[in-house]
PDB file of N, CA and C in Angstrom:
ATOM      1  N   MET A   1     -52.557  18.678 -38.363  1.00  0.00           N
ATOM      2  CA  MET A   1     -53.393  17.500 -38.316  1.00  0.00           C
ATOM      3  C   MET A   1     -52.602  16.343 -38.931  1.00  0.00           C
ATOM      4  N   LYS A   2     -52.494  15.274 -38.199  1.00  0.00           N
ATOM      5  CA  LYS A   2     -51.654  14.150 -38.597  1.00  0.00           C
ATOM      6  C   LYS A   2     -52.195  13.397 -39.813  1.00  0.00           C
ATOM      7  N   ASN A   3     -53.451  13.029 -39.795  1.00  0.00           N
ATOM      8  CA  ASN A   3     -54.023  12.183 -40.834  1.00  0.00           C
ATOM      9  C   ASN A   3     -55.445  12.665 -41.131  1.00  0.00           C
ATOM     10  N   PRO A   4     -55.590  13.798 -41.826  1.00  0.00           N
ATOM     11  CA  PRO A   4     -56.919  14.393 -42.000  1.00  0.00           C
ATOM     12  C   PRO A   4     -57.834  13.543 -42.884  1.00  0.00           C
ATOM     13  N   LEU A   5     -59.125  13.737 -42.693  1.00  0.00           N
ATOM     14  CA  LEU A   5     -60.108  13.064 -43.538  1.00  0.00           C
ATOM     15  C   LEU A   5     -60.060  13.653 -44.941  1.00  0.00           C
ATOM     16  N   SER A   6     -60.325  12.818 -45.911  1.00  0.00           N
ATOM     17  CA  SER A   6     -60.392  13.279 -47.295  1.00  0.00           C
ATOM     18  C   SER A   6     -61.814  13.063 -47.809  1.00  0.00           C
ATOM     19  N   ASN A   7     -62.096  13.601 -48.979  1.00  0.00           N
ATOM     20  CA  ASN A   7     -63.417  13.394 -49.575  1.00  0.00           C
ATOM     21  C   ASN A   7     -63.674  11.916 -49.860  1.00  0.00           C
ATOM     22  N   GLN A   8     -62.630  11.153 -50.155  1.00  0.00           N
ATOM     23  CA  GLN A   8     -62.790   9.709 -50.385  1.00  0.00           C
ATOM     24  C   GLN A   8     -63.206   8.989 -49.102  1.00  0.00           C
ATOM     25  N   ASP A   9     -62.768   9.497 -47.954  1.00  0.00           N
ATOM     26  CA  ASP A   9     -63.142   8.899 -46.665  1.00  0.00           C
ATOM     27  C   ASP A   9     -64.629   9.050 -46.388  1.00  0.00           C
ATOM     28  N   LEU A  10     -65.259  10.071 -46.956  1.00  0.00           N
ATOM     29  CA  LEU A  10     -66.671  10.329 -46.684  1.00  0.00           C
ATOM     30  C   LEU A  10     -67.560   9.184 -47.164  1.00  0.00           C
ATOM     31  N   GLU A  11     -67.099   8.430 -48.156  1.00  0.00           N
ATOM     32  CA  GLU A  11     -67.863   7.273 -48.615  1.00  0.00           C
ATOM     33  C   GLU A  11     -67.884   6.176 -47.555  1.00  0.00           C
ATOM     34  N   LEU A  12     -66.921   6.186 -46.651  1.00  0.00           N
ATOM     35  CA  LEU A  12     -66.779   5.136 -45.642  1.00  0.00           C
ATOM     36  C   LEU A  12     -67.202   5.568 -44.241  1.00  0.00           C
ATOM     37  N   ILE A  13     -67.364   6.841 -44.023  1.00  0.00           N
ATOM     38  CA  ILE A  13     -67.495   7.406 -42.672  1.00  0.00           C
ATOM     39  C   ILE A  13     -68.675   6.829 -41.874  1.00  0.00           C
ATOM     40  N   PHE A  14     -69.748   6.402 -42.553  1.00  0.00           N
ATOM     41  CA  PHE A  14     -70.919   5.867 -41.854  1.00  0.00           C
ATOM     42  C   PHE A  14     -70.929   4.336 -41.803  1.00  0.00           C
ATOM     43  N   LYS A  15     -69.885   3.696 -42.302  1.00  0.00           N
ATOM     44  CA  LYS A  15     -69.803   2.233 -42.248  1.00  0.00           C
ATOM     45  C   LYS A  15     -69.401   1.782 -40.840  1.00  0.00           C
ATOM     46  N   ARG A  16     -70.048   0.739 -40.390  1.00  0.00           N
ATOM     47  CA  ARG A  16     -69.784   0.205 -39.062  1.00  0.00           C
ATOM     48  C   ARG A  16     -68.342  -0.273 -38.954  1.00  0.00           C
ATOM     49  N   PHE A  17     -67.690   0.098 -37.883  1.00  0.00           N
ATOM     50  CA  PHE A  17     -66.325  -0.298 -37.519  1.00  0.00           C
ATOM     51  C   PHE A  17     -65.227   0.333 -38.378  1.00  0.00           C
ATOM     52  N   TRP A  18     -65.569   1.238 -39.304  1.00  0.00           N
ATOM     53  CA  TRP A  18     -64.532   1.891 -40.109  1.00  0.00           C
ATOM     54  C   TRP A  18     -63.793   2.921 -39.254  1.00  0.00           C
ATOM     55  N   ARG A  19     -62.483   2.943 -39.407  1.00  0.00           N
ATOM     56  CA  ARG A  19     -61.641   3.925 -38.725  1.00  0.00           C
ATOM     57  C   ARG A  19     -60.607   4.445 -39.704  1.00  0.00           C
ATOM     58  N   LYS A  20     -60.382   5.722 -39.665  1.00  0.00           N
ATOM     59  CA  LYS A  20     -59.375   6.328 -40.534  1.00  0.00           C
ATOM     60  C   LYS A  20     -57.972   5.937 -40.087  1.00  0.00           C
ATOM     61  N   ASP A  21     -57.763   5.937 -38.775  1.00  0.00           N
ATOM     62  CA  ASP A  21     -56.436   5.725 -38.209  1.00  0.00           C
ATOM     63  C   ASP A  21     -56.267   4.261 -37.789  1.00  0.00           C
ATOM     64  N   PRO A  22     -55.428   3.493 -38.489  1.00  0.00           N
ATOM     65  CA  PRO A  22     -55.251   2.081 -38.123  1.00  0.00           C
ATOM     66  C   PRO A  22     -54.645   1.882 -36.730  1.00  0.00           C
ATOM     67  N   ALA A  23     -54.051   2.919 -36.160  1.00  0.00           N
ATOM     68  CA  ALA A  23     -53.475   2.808 -34.815  1.00  0.00           C
ATOM     69  C   ALA A  23     -54.565   2.647 -33.755  1.00  0.00           C
ATOM     70  N   ARG A  24     -55.812   2.962 -34.109  1.00  0.00           N
ATOM     71  CA  ARG A  24     -56.917   2.856 -33.148  1.00  0.00           C
ATOM     72  C   ARG A  24     -57.598   1.490 -33.191  1.00  0.00           C
ATOM     73  N   GLU A  25     -56.957   0.508 -33.750  1.00  0.00           N
ATOM     74  CA  GLU A  25     -57.531  -0.837 -33.845  1.00  0.00           C
ATOM     75  C   GLU A  25     -57.172  -1.700 -32.655  1.00  0.00           C
ATOM     76  N   SER A  26     -56.935  -1.086 -31.512  1.00  0.00           N
ATOM     77  CA  SER A  26     -56.538  -1.830 -30.324  1.00  0.00           C
ATOM     78  C   SER A  26     -57.700  -2.562 -29.669  1.00  0.00           C
ATOM     79  N   GLY A  27     -58.908  -2.270 -30.089  1.00  0.00           N
ATOM     80  CA  GLY A  27     -60.071  -2.909 -29.480  1.00  0.00           C
ATOM     81  C   GLY A  27     -60.717  -2.069 -28.397  1.00  0.00           C
ATOM     82  N   THR A  28     -60.125  -0.930 -28.059  1.00  0.00           N
ATOM     83  CA  THR A  28     -60.711  -0.069 -27.029  1.00  0.00           C
ATOM     84  C   THR A  28     -61.725   0.905 -27.604  1.00  0.00           C
ATOM     85  N   HIS A  29     -61.806   0.985 -28.921  1.00  0.00           N
ATOM     86  CA  HIS A  29     -62.771   1.866 -29.582  1.00  0.00           C
ATOM     87  C   HIS A  29     -63.679   1.008 -30.442  1.00  0.00           C
ATOM     88  N   GLY A  30     -64.982   1.308 -30.403  1.00  0.00           N
ATOM     89  CA  GLY A  30     -65.937   0.499 -31.149  1.00  0.00           C
ATOM     90  C   GLY A  30     -66.039   0.844 -32.617  1.00  0.00           C
ATOM     91  N   GLY A  31     -65.897   2.124 -32.960  1.00  0.00           N
ATOM     92  CA  GLY A  31     -66.020   2.521 -34.352  1.00  0.00           C
ATOM     93  C   GLY A  31     -67.422   2.406 -34.894  1.00  0.00           C
ATOM     94  N   ILE A  32     -68.436   2.512 -34.021  1.00  0.00           N
ATOM     95  CA  ILE A  32     -69.812   2.384 -34.498  1.00  0.00           C
ATOM     96  C   ILE A  32     -70.630   3.656 -34.315  1.00  0.00           C
ATOM     97  N   GLY A  33     -70.029   4.709 -33.784  1.00  0.00           N
ATOM     98  CA  GLY A  33     -70.767   5.932 -33.472  1.00  0.00           C
ATOM     99  C   GLY A  33     -71.526   6.526 -34.642  1.00  0.00           C
ATOM    100  N   LEU A  34     -70.859   6.788 -35.756  1.00  0.00           N
ATOM    101  CA  LEU A  34     -71.535   7.412 -36.886  1.00  0.00           C
ATOM    102  C   LEU A  34     -72.446   6.445 -37.619  1.00  0.00           C
ATOM    103  N   SER A  35     -72.185   5.146 -37.536  1.00  0.00           N
ATOM    104  CA  SER A  35     -73.122   4.197 -38.139  1.00  0.00           C
ATOM    105  C   SER A  35     -74.428   4.169 -37.340  1.00  0.00           C
ATOM    106  N   LEU A  36     -74.333   4.349 -36.025  1.00  0.00           N
ATOM    107  CA  LEU A  36     -75.547   4.451 -35.199  1.00  0.00           C
ATOM    108  C   LEU A  36     -76.313   5.730 -35.511  1.00  0.00           C
ATOM    109  N   VAL A  37     -75.604   6.830 -35.671  1.00  0.00           N
ATOM    110  CA  VAL A  37     -76.241   8.098 -36.049  1.00  0.00           C
ATOM    111  C   VAL A  37     -77.012   7.913 -37.345  1.00  0.00           C
ATOM    112  N   LYS A  38     -76.391   7.285 -38.329  1.00  0.00           N
ATOM    113  CA  LYS A  38     -77.027   7.060 -39.633  1.00  0.00           C
ATOM    114  C   LYS A  38     -78.261   6.174 -39.489  1.00  0.00           C
ATOM    115  N   SER A  39     -78.160   5.119 -38.709  1.00  0.00           N
ATOM    116  CA  SER A  39     -79.300   4.215 -38.516  1.00  0.00           C
ATOM    117  C   SER A  39     -80.470   4.912 -37.841  1.00  0.00           C
ATOM    118  N   TYR A  40     -80.201   5.664 -36.779  1.00  0.00           N
ATOM    119  CA  TYR A  40     -81.265   6.395 -36.087  1.00  0.00           C
ATOM    120  C   TYR A  40     -81.868   7.472 -36.972  1.00  0.00           C
ATOM    121  N   ALA A  41     -81.033   8.172 -37.724  1.00  0.00           N
ATOM    122  CA  ALA A  41     -81.540   9.202 -38.637  1.00  0.00           C
ATOM    123  C   ALA A  41     -82.464   8.578 -39.676  1.00  0.00           C
ATOM    124  N   ASP A  42     -82.074   7.435 -40.226  1.00  0.00           N
ATOM    125  CA  ASP A  42     -82.924   6.739 -41.196  1.00  0.00           C
ATOM    126  C   ASP A  42     -84.268   6.367 -40.578  1.00  0.00           C
ATOM    127  N   LEU A  43     -84.251   5.862 -39.358  1.00  0.00           N
ATOM    128  CA  LEU A  43     -85.501   5.493 -38.671  1.00  0.00           C
ATOM    129  C   LEU A  43     -86.421   6.680 -38.445  1.00  0.00           C
ATOM    130  N   MET A  44     -85.835   7.858 -38.242  1.00  0.00           N
ATOM    131  CA  MET A  44     -86.629   9.066 -37.982  1.00  0.00           C
ATOM    132  C   MET A  44     -86.959   9.846 -39.249  1.00  0.00           C
ATOM    133  N   GLY A  45     -86.577   9.327 -40.404  1.00  0.00           N
ATOM    134  CA  GLY A  45     -86.865  10.011 -41.657  1.00  0.00           C
ATOM    135  C   GLY A  45     -85.981  11.215 -41.899  1.00  0.00           C
ATOM    136  N   LEU A  46     -84.798  11.213 -41.302  1.00  0.00           N
ATOM    137  CA  LEU A  46     -83.851  12.304 -41.489  1.00  0.00           C
ATOM    138  C   LEU A  46     -82.750  11.864 -42.442  1.00  0.00           C
ATOM    139  N   GLU A  47     -82.113  12.845 -43.038  1.00  0.00           N
ATOM    140  CA  GLU A  47     -80.950  12.557 -43.874  1.00  0.00           C
ATOM    141  C   GLU A  47     -79.717  13.049 -43.143  1.00  0.00           C
ATOM    142  N   VAL A  48     -78.686  12.244 -43.134  1.00  0.00           N
ATOM    143  CA  VAL A  48     -77.427  12.626 -42.490  1.00  0.00           C
ATOM    144  C   VAL A  48     -76.336  12.591 -43.556  1.00  0.00           C
ATOM    145  N   SER A  49     -75.495  13.614 -43.542  1.00  0.00           N
ATOM    146  CA  SER A  49     -74.400  13.669 -44.509  1.00  0.00           C
ATOM    147  C   SER A  49     -73.158  14.231 -43.821  1.00  0.00           C
ATOM    148  N   ALA A  50     -72.027  13.976 -44.430  1.00  0.00           N
ATOM    149  CA  ALA A  50     -70.749  14.444 -43.895  1.00  0.00           C
ATOM    150  C   ALA A  50     -70.023  15.221 -44.981  1.00  0.00           C
ATOM    151  N   SER A  51     -69.234  16.200 -44.548  1.00  0.00           N
ATOM    152  CA  SER A  51     -68.422  16.952 -45.501  1.00  0.00           C
ATOM    153  C   SER A  51     -67.107  17.332 -44.843  1.00  0.00           C
ATOM    154  N   VAL A  52     -66.119  17.564 -45.697  1.00  0.00           N
ATOM    155  CA  VAL A  52     -64.800  17.999 -45.254  1.00  0.00           C
ATOM    156  C   VAL A  52     -64.433  19.234 -46.049  1.00  0.00           C
ATOM    157  N   SER A  53     -63.986  20.262 -45.345  1.00  0.00           N
ATOM    158  CA  SER A  53     -63.515  21.480 -45.998  1.00  0.00           C
ATOM    159  C   SER A  53     -62.286  21.948 -45.240  1.00  0.00           C
ATOM    160  N   GLY A  54     -61.118  21.765 -45.830  1.00  0.00           N
ATOM    161  CA  GLY A  54     -59.874  22.106 -45.139  1.00  0.00           C
ATOM    162  C   GLY A  54     -59.716  21.225 -43.922  1.00  0.00           C
ATOM    163  N   ASP A  55     -59.600  21.842 -42.749  1.00  0.00           N
ATOM    164  CA  ASP A  55     -59.481  21.057 -41.518  1.00  0.00           C
ATOM    165  C   ASP A  55     -60.807  20.968 -40.765  1.00  0.00           C
ATOM    166  N   MET A  56     -61.918  21.306 -41.437  1.00  0.00           N
ATOM    167  CA  MET A  56     -63.243  21.283 -40.824  1.00  0.00           C
ATOM    168  C   MET A  56     -64.004  20.033 -41.266  1.00  0.00           C
ATOM    169  N   PHE A  57     -64.495  19.261 -40.296  1.00  0.00           N
ATOM    170  CA  PHE A  57     -65.322  18.080 -40.543  1.00  0.00           C
ATOM    171  C   PHE A  57     -66.717  18.399 -40.043  1.00  0.00           C
ATOM    172  N   ARG A  58     -67.736  18.194 -40.885  1.00  0.00           N
ATOM    173  CA  ARG A  58     -69.111  18.534 -40.507  1.00  0.00           C
ATOM    174  C   ARG A  58     -70.038  17.348 -40.734  1.00  0.00           C
ATOM    175  N   ILE A  59     -70.985  17.220 -39.824  1.00  0.00           N
ATOM    176  CA  ILE A  59     -72.096  16.276 -39.964  1.00  0.00           C
ATOM    177  C   ILE A  59     -73.357  17.118 -40.030  1.00  0.00           C
ATOM    178  N   LEU A  60     -74.177  16.864 -41.023  1.00  0.00           N
ATOM    179  CA  LEU A  60     -75.417  17.629 -41.211  1.00  0.00           C
ATOM    180  C   LEU A  60     -76.607  16.694 -41.141  1.00  0.00           C
ATOM    181  N   LEU A  61     -77.542  17.018 -40.269  1.00  0.00           N
ATOM    182  CA  LEU A  61     -78.820  16.316 -40.198  1.00  0.00           C
ATOM    183  C   LEU A  61     -79.859  17.220 -40.812  1.00  0.00           C
ATOM    184  N   SER A  62     -80.603  16.713 -41.771  1.00  0.00           N
ATOM    185  CA  SER A  62     -81.655  17.522 -42.375  1.00  0.00           C
ATOM    186  C   SER A  62     -82.952  16.724 -42.406  1.00  0.00           C
ATOM    187  N   HIS A  63     -84.028  17.424 -42.208  1.00  0.00           N
ATOM    188  CA  HIS A  63     -85.349  16.785 -42.145  1.00  0.00           C
ATOM    189  C   HIS A  63     -85.889  16.590 -43.557  1.00  0.00           C
ATOM    190  N   ILE A  64     -86.308  15.412 -43.840  1.00  0.00           N
ATOM    191  CA  ILE A  64     -86.907  15.075 -45.127  1.00  0.00           C
ATOM    192  C   ILE A  64     -88.391  14.813 -44.871  1.00  0.00           C
ATOM    193  N   LYS A  65     -89.237  15.584 -45.515  1.00  0.00           N
ATOM    194  CA  LYS A  65     -90.677  15.363 -45.370  1.00  0.00           C
ATOM    195  C   LYS A  65     -91.104  14.186 -46.241  1.00  0.00           C
ATOM    196  N   ILE A  66     -91.774  13.246 -45.625  1.00  0.00           N
ATOM    197  CA  ILE A  66     -92.267  12.080 -46.346  1.00  0.00           C
ATOM    198  C   ILE A  66     -93.727  12.317 -46.669  1.00  0.00           C
ATOM    199  N   ALA A  67     -94.052  12.327 -47.951  1.00  0.00           N
ATOM    200  CA  ALA A  67     -95.425  12.627 -48.381  1.00  0.00           C
ATOM    201  C   ALA A  67     -96.289  11.404 -48.336  1.00  0.00           C
TER     202      ALA A  67
END
């Protein structure tokens, strides 16, 4: 893996237009996918989180009951 995600990257992963790889700043990629996931999850009362373990990147959606 050329430029793997780190735990520090997880603080930025849901920010709009953030990209790990500066080579992808050509304008052909929007960089808004995970920020949209986060926004929709918030609207539906879900929690979304990201984790990195070795070369594994995970996104977890969990249901939060609102009392």
